């Protein structure tokens, strides 16, 4: 599930980068056509970047809420639940390994007894 969240995050970053690039291209085009001066174009881009940075915390909070809601809606285990499950699986693997060893000893003993008969 972490991979999905990472992909969503990277997609968001990609969208922001693409939007910024398109904005820069549009501003460059306006400057080239003489509808904006270079200083005005730079100011527009700077304002957008500053505005985006100023709202970064809000965007991150919204993203976290969306991800948390998705986890809850899909009834997926959260980080602490996953950690508990991993510990439980490891414990069960150890127990299974011990049981397998005991079973092998039992089989060896049975074969030995069968040979003695």
N, C-alpha and C. Protein backbone atom coordinates (compact mmCIF):
# COMPACT_ATOMS: atom_id res chain seq x y z
N UNK A 1 0.83 -1.19 0.00
CA UNK A 1 0.00 0.00 0.00
C UNK A 1 0.87 1.26 0.00
N UNK A 2 2.04 1.15 0.65
CA UNK A 2 2.93 2.31 0.67
C UNK A 2 3.33 2.72 -0.73
N UNK A 3 3.49 1.74 -1.62
CA UNK A 3 3.86 2.05 -3.00
C UNK A 3 2.79 2.88 -3.68
N UNK A 4 1.53 2.58 -3.41
CA UNK A 4 0.44 3.34 -4.00
C UNK A 4 0.48 4.78 -3.50
N UNK A 5 0.68 4.94 -2.21
CA UNK A 5 0.75 6.29 -1.63
C UNK A 5 1.93 7.05 -2.25
N UNK A 6 3.07 6.37 -2.38
CA UNK A 6 4.24 7.03 -2.99
C UNK A 6 3.95 7.43 -4.42
N UNK A 7 3.28 6.54 -5.17
CA UNK A 7 2.95 6.86 -6.56
C UNK A 7 2.02 8.05 -6.63
N UNK A 8 1.05 8.10 -5.73
CA UNK A 8 0.13 9.24 -5.71
C UNK A 8 0.89 10.51 -5.39
N UNK A 9 1.78 10.44 -4.42
CA UNK A 9 2.57 11.60 -4.03
C UNK A 9 3.44 12.06 -5.19
N UNK A 10 4.13 11.12 -5.84
CA UNK A 10 4.98 11.48 -6.97
C UNK A 10 4.16 12.04 -8.13
N UNK A 11 2.95 11.51 -8.31
CA UNK A 11 2.08 12.04 -9.35
C UNK A 11 1.72 13.48 -9.03
N UNK A 12 1.41 13.74 -7.77
CA UNK A 12 1.10 15.11 -7.35
C UNK A 12 2.27 16.05 -7.60
N UNK A 13 3.46 15.59 -7.26
CA UNK A 13 4.66 16.39 -7.49
C UNK A 13 4.84 16.62 -8.99
N UNK A 14 4.60 15.58 -9.78
CA UNK A 14 4.72 15.70 -11.23
C UNK A 14 3.72 16.70 -11.80
N UNK A 15 2.50 16.67 -11.28
CA UNK A 15 1.48 17.61 -11.74
C UNK A 15 1.89 19.04 -11.42
N UNK A 16 2.39 19.25 -10.21
CA UNK A 16 2.85 20.59 -9.82
C UNK A 16 3.99 21.04 -10.72
N UNK A 17 4.94 20.14 -10.97
CA UNK A 17 6.08 20.49 -11.83
C UNK A 17 5.61 20.81 -13.24
N UNK A 18 4.70 19.99 -13.76
CA UNK A 18 4.19 20.22 -15.11
C UNK A 18 3.42 21.53 -15.19
N UNK A 19 2.63 21.82 -14.16
CA UNK A 19 1.87 23.06 -14.12
C UNK A 19 2.81 24.26 -14.08
N UNK A 20 3.83 24.16 -13.26
CA UNK A 20 4.82 25.24 -13.17
C UNK A 20 5.51 25.45 -14.52
N UNK A 21 5.85 24.34 -15.17
CA UNK A 21 6.52 24.43 -16.47
C UNK A 21 5.60 25.08 -17.51
N UNK A 22 4.33 24.67 -17.50
CA UNK A 22 3.37 25.26 -18.44
C UNK A 22 3.16 26.74 -18.16
N UNK A 23 3.11 27.10 -16.89
CA UNK A 23 2.97 28.50 -16.52
C UNK A 23 4.16 29.28 -17.04
N UNK A 24 5.34 28.73 -16.83
CA UNK A 24 6.56 29.40 -17.30
C UNK A 24 6.53 29.56 -18.82
N UNK A 25 6.08 28.54 -19.53
CA UNK A 25 6.00 28.62 -20.99
C UNK A 25 4.99 29.68 -21.43
N UNK A 26 3.85 29.74 -20.74
CA UNK A 26 2.83 30.74 -21.08
C UNK A 26 3.35 32.14 -20.82
N UNK A 27 4.05 32.33 -19.72
CA UNK A 27 4.61 33.64 -19.39
C UNK A 27 5.67 34.01 -20.42
N UNK A 28 6.54 33.04 -20.77
CA UNK A 28 7.57 33.29 -21.78
C UNK A 28 6.93 33.70 -23.11
N UNK A 29 5.83 33.05 -23.46
CA UNK A 29 5.13 33.38 -24.70
C UNK A 29 4.57 34.80 -24.65
N UNK A 30 3.99 35.18 -23.50
CA UNK A 30 3.46 36.54 -23.35
C UNK A 30 4.59 37.58 -23.41
N UNK A 31 5.71 37.25 -22.81
CA UNK A 31 6.87 38.15 -22.85
C UNK A 31 7.35 38.29 -24.29
N UNK A 32 7.41 37.16 -24.99
CA UNK A 32 7.88 37.16 -26.38
C UNK A 32 6.96 38.00 -27.28
N UNK A 33 5.67 37.94 -26.99
CA UNK A 33 4.71 38.71 -27.79
C UNK A 33 4.63 40.17 -27.35
N UNK A 34 5.34 40.48 -26.29
CA UNK A 34 5.36 41.86 -25.82
C UNK A 34 4.17 42.25 -24.96
N UNK A 35 3.39 41.29 -24.53
CA UNK A 35 2.22 41.58 -23.70
C UNK A 35 2.60 41.70 -22.22
N UNK A 36 3.77 41.19 -21.88
CA UNK A 36 4.30 41.29 -20.53
C UNK A 36 5.79 41.59 -20.62
N UNK A 37 6.26 42.37 -19.67
CA UNK A 37 7.72 42.59 -19.62
C UNK A 37 8.35 41.40 -18.91
N UNK A 38 9.65 41.25 -19.06
CA UNK A 38 10.34 40.14 -18.38
C UNK A 38 10.18 40.24 -16.87
N UNK A 39 10.25 41.45 -16.35
CA UNK A 39 10.09 41.65 -14.91
C UNK A 39 8.69 41.25 -14.45
N UNK A 40 7.67 41.62 -15.23
CA UNK A 40 6.29 41.26 -14.88
C UNK A 40 6.12 39.74 -14.93
N UNK A 41 6.69 39.14 -15.96
CA UNK A 41 6.60 37.68 -16.08
C UNK A 41 7.26 36.98 -14.92
N UNK A 42 8.45 37.44 -14.55
CA UNK A 42 9.17 36.87 -13.41
C UNK A 42 8.36 37.04 -12.14
N UNK A 43 7.73 38.21 -12.00
CA UNK A 43 6.92 38.49 -10.79
C UNK A 43 5.73 37.54 -10.71
N UNK A 44 5.09 37.28 -11.85
CA UNK A 44 3.94 36.37 -11.86
C UNK A 44 4.38 34.97 -11.41
N UNK A 45 5.47 34.49 -12.01
CA UNK A 45 5.96 33.16 -11.65
C UNK A 45 6.37 33.12 -10.18
N UNK A 46 7.07 34.13 -9.73
CA UNK A 46 7.49 34.20 -8.32
C UNK A 46 6.28 34.21 -7.39
N UNK A 47 5.25 34.99 -7.75
CA UNK A 47 4.04 35.04 -6.93
C UNK A 47 3.36 33.67 -6.84
N UNK A 48 3.30 32.97 -7.97
CA UNK A 48 2.67 31.64 -7.96
C UNK A 48 3.49 30.69 -7.10
N UNK A 49 4.80 30.72 -7.24
CA UNK A 49 5.66 29.84 -6.44
C UNK A 49 5.51 30.16 -4.95
N UNK A 50 5.53 31.46 -4.60
CA UNK A 50 5.38 31.86 -3.20
C UNK A 50 4.02 31.42 -2.65
N UNK A 51 2.97 31.61 -3.46
CA UNK A 51 1.62 31.23 -3.04
C UNK A 51 1.54 29.72 -2.82
N UNK A 52 2.16 28.97 -3.71
CA UNK A 52 2.18 27.52 -3.57
C UNK A 52 2.92 27.11 -2.30
N UNK A 53 4.07 27.72 -2.06
CA UNK A 53 4.85 27.42 -0.85
C UNK A 53 4.07 27.79 0.41
N UNK A 54 3.37 28.92 0.35
CA UNK A 54 2.62 29.38 1.51
C UNK A 54 1.50 28.40 1.87
N UNK A 55 0.95 27.72 0.86
CA UNK A 55 -0.15 26.80 1.10
C UNK A 55 0.29 25.34 1.15
N UNK A 56 1.59 25.11 1.13
CA UNK A 56 2.14 23.76 1.13
C UNK A 56 1.61 22.93 2.30
N UNK A 57 1.61 23.51 3.48
CA UNK A 57 1.12 22.80 4.67
C UNK A 57 -0.33 22.38 4.53
N UNK A 58 -1.14 23.27 3.95
CA UNK A 58 -2.56 22.93 3.73
C UNK A 58 -2.69 21.79 2.74
N UNK A 59 -1.89 21.83 1.67
CA UNK A 59 -1.94 20.76 0.67
C UNK A 59 -1.52 19.43 1.28
N UNK A 60 -0.48 19.44 2.09
CA UNK A 60 -0.01 18.22 2.73
C UNK A 60 -1.06 17.67 3.69
N UNK A 61 -1.72 18.57 4.43
CA UNK A 61 -2.76 18.13 5.36
C UNK A 61 -3.94 17.52 4.60
N UNK A 62 -4.33 18.15 3.51
CA UNK A 62 -5.43 17.60 2.69
C UNK A 62 -5.05 16.22 2.16
N UNK A 63 -3.82 16.12 1.67
CA UNK A 63 -3.36 14.84 1.12
C UNK A 63 -3.38 13.76 2.20
N UNK A 64 -2.91 14.11 3.39
CA UNK A 64 -2.90 13.14 4.49
C UNK A 64 -4.33 12.70 4.84
N UNK A 65 -5.25 13.66 4.86
CA UNK A 65 -6.65 13.32 5.17
C UNK A 65 -7.23 12.38 4.10
N UNK A 66 -6.90 12.64 2.85
CA UNK A 66 -7.39 11.79 1.76
C UNK A 66 -6.84 10.38 1.89
N UNK A 67 -5.56 10.28 2.17
CA UNK A 67 -4.92 8.97 2.31
C UNK A 67 -5.50 8.23 3.52
N UNK A 68 -5.63 8.92 4.64
CA UNK A 68 -6.21 8.30 5.84
C UNK A 68 -7.63 7.82 5.58
N UNK A 69 -8.41 8.64 4.89
CA UNK A 69 -9.79 8.25 4.57
C UNK A 69 -9.81 7.02 3.66
N UNK A 70 -8.88 6.98 2.71
CA UNK A 70 -8.81 5.82 1.81
C UNK A 70 -8.45 4.56 2.59
N UNK A 71 -7.47 4.66 3.49
CA UNK A 71 -7.10 3.51 4.33
C UNK A 71 -8.31 3.03 5.12
N UNK A 72 -9.01 3.98 5.71
CA UNK A 72 -10.16 3.63 6.55
C UNK A 72 -11.29 3.02 5.71
N UNK A 73 -11.57 3.63 4.57
CA UNK A 73 -12.66 3.16 3.71
C UNK A 73 -12.37 1.77 3.16
N UNK A 74 -11.12 1.53 2.81
CA UNK A 74 -10.73 0.23 2.27
C UNK A 74 -10.45 -0.79 3.36
N UNK A 75 -10.53 -0.33 4.62
CA UNK A 75 -10.27 -1.18 5.78
C UNK A 75 -8.88 -1.81 5.72
N UNK A 76 -7.90 -0.98 5.37
CA UNK A 76 -6.52 -1.43 5.28
C UNK A 76 -5.81 -1.21 6.61
N UNK A 77 -4.87 -2.09 6.93
CA UNK A 77 -4.15 -1.91 8.20
C UNK A 77 -3.25 -0.68 8.16
N UNK A 78 -3.21 0.02 9.26
CA UNK A 78 -2.33 1.18 9.39
C UNK A 78 -0.94 0.70 9.79
N UNK A 79 -0.01 1.60 9.92
CA UNK A 79 1.38 1.27 10.22
C UNK A 79 1.52 0.41 11.46
N UNK A 80 0.87 0.82 12.55
CA UNK A 80 1.00 0.06 13.80
C UNK A 80 0.37 -1.32 13.67
N UNK A 81 -0.73 -1.42 12.92
CA UNK A 81 -1.37 -2.72 12.70
C UNK A 81 -0.44 -3.63 11.92
N UNK A 82 0.21 -3.08 10.91
CA UNK A 82 1.14 -3.85 10.09
C UNK A 82 2.31 -4.35 10.93
N UNK A 83 2.82 -3.50 11.80
CA UNK A 83 3.93 -3.90 12.67
C UNK A 83 3.51 -5.05 13.58
N UNK A 84 2.32 -4.96 14.15
CA UNK A 84 1.81 -6.04 15.02
C UNK A 84 1.68 -7.35 14.23
N UNK A 85 1.14 -7.23 13.00
CA UNK A 85 0.98 -8.43 12.18
C UNK A 85 2.32 -9.05 11.82
N UNK A 86 3.31 -8.22 11.51
CA UNK A 86 4.64 -8.72 11.17
C UNK A 86 5.26 -9.46 12.36
N UNK A 87 5.10 -8.91 13.56
CA UNK A 87 5.64 -9.57 14.77
C UNK A 87 4.94 -10.90 14.99
N UNK A 88 3.63 -10.91 14.79
CA UNK A 88 2.86 -12.13 14.99
C UNK A 88 3.28 -13.20 13.98
N UNK A 89 3.48 -12.78 12.73
CA UNK A 89 3.90 -13.73 11.69
C UNK A 89 5.27 -14.31 12.03
N UNK A 90 6.20 -13.46 12.46
CA UNK A 90 7.54 -13.94 12.82
C UNK A 90 7.46 -14.95 13.96
N UNK A 91 6.62 -14.65 14.95
CA UNK A 91 6.45 -15.55 16.08
C UNK A 91 5.89 -16.89 15.61
N UNK A 92 4.91 -16.84 14.73
CA UNK A 92 4.31 -18.08 14.21
C UNK A 92 5.32 -18.86 13.37
N UNK A 93 6.17 -18.15 12.62
CA UNK A 93 7.20 -18.83 11.83
C UNK A 93 8.18 -19.56 12.73
N UNK A 94 8.56 -18.93 13.85
CA UNK A 94 9.47 -19.58 14.80
C UNK A 94 8.80 -20.82 15.37
N UNK A 95 7.55 -20.70 15.78
CA UNK A 95 6.82 -21.84 16.34
C UNK A 95 6.69 -22.97 15.31
N UNK A 96 6.41 -22.59 14.07
CA UNK A 96 6.28 -23.58 13.01
C UNK A 96 7.61 -24.29 12.77
N UNK A 97 8.70 -23.54 12.81
CA UNK A 97 10.03 -24.13 12.66
C UNK A 97 10.32 -25.13 13.77
N UNK A 98 9.98 -24.77 15.00
CA UNK A 98 10.18 -25.67 16.13
C UNK A 98 9.33 -26.92 15.99
N UNK A 99 8.09 -26.74 15.55
CA UNK A 99 7.19 -27.88 15.34
C UNK A 99 7.72 -28.80 14.26
N UNK A 100 8.26 -28.21 13.19
CA UNK A 100 8.81 -29.00 12.09
C UNK A 100 9.99 -29.83 12.59
N UNK A 101 10.84 -29.25 13.43
CA UNK A 101 11.98 -29.99 13.98
C UNK A 101 11.50 -31.15 14.85
N UNK A 102 10.50 -30.89 15.69
CA UNK A 102 9.95 -31.94 16.55
C UNK A 102 9.33 -33.05 15.70
N UNK A 103 8.67 -32.66 14.62
CA UNK A 103 8.04 -33.66 13.76
C UNK A 103 9.11 -34.52 13.09
N UNK A 104 10.21 -33.89 12.66
CA UNK A 104 11.31 -34.65 12.04
C UNK A 104 11.90 -35.63 13.04
N UNK A 105 12.07 -35.19 14.29
CA UNK A 105 12.57 -36.09 15.34
C UNK A 105 11.61 -37.27 15.54
N UNK A 106 10.32 -36.95 15.55
CA UNK A 106 9.29 -37.98 15.73
C UNK A 106 9.34 -38.99 14.58
N UNK A 107 9.45 -38.47 13.33
CA UNK A 107 9.51 -39.36 12.16
C UNK A 107 10.75 -40.25 12.23
N UNK A 108 11.88 -39.67 12.63
CA UNK A 108 13.12 -40.44 12.73
C UNK A 108 12.97 -41.54 13.78
N UNK A 109 12.32 -41.20 14.88
CA UNK A 109 12.11 -42.16 15.96
C UNK A 109 11.17 -43.26 15.47
N UNK A 110 10.15 -42.93 14.72
CA UNK A 110 9.21 -43.92 14.20
C UNK A 110 9.91 -44.87 13.23
N UNK A 111 10.77 -44.27 12.36
CA UNK A 111 11.48 -45.12 11.41
C UNK A 111 12.42 -46.08 12.15
N UNK A 112 13.07 -45.57 13.18
CA UNK A 112 13.99 -46.39 13.98
C UNK A 112 13.22 -47.54 14.64
N UNK A 113 12.04 -47.21 15.19
CA UNK A 113 11.20 -48.23 15.84
C UNK A 113 10.73 -49.25 14.82
N UNK A 114 10.37 -48.82 13.61
CA UNK A 114 9.91 -49.73 12.57
C UNK A 114 11.04 -50.67 12.14
N UNK A 115 12.27 -50.15 12.11
CA UNK A 115 13.39 -50.97 11.71
C UNK A 115 13.73 -52.01 12.77
N UNK A 116 13.47 -51.70 14.03
CA UNK A 116 13.76 -52.61 15.13
C UNK A 116 12.75 -53.74 15.20
N UNK A 117 11.59 -53.56 14.58
CA UNK A 117 10.57 -54.61 14.65
C UNK A 117 10.90 -55.70 13.72
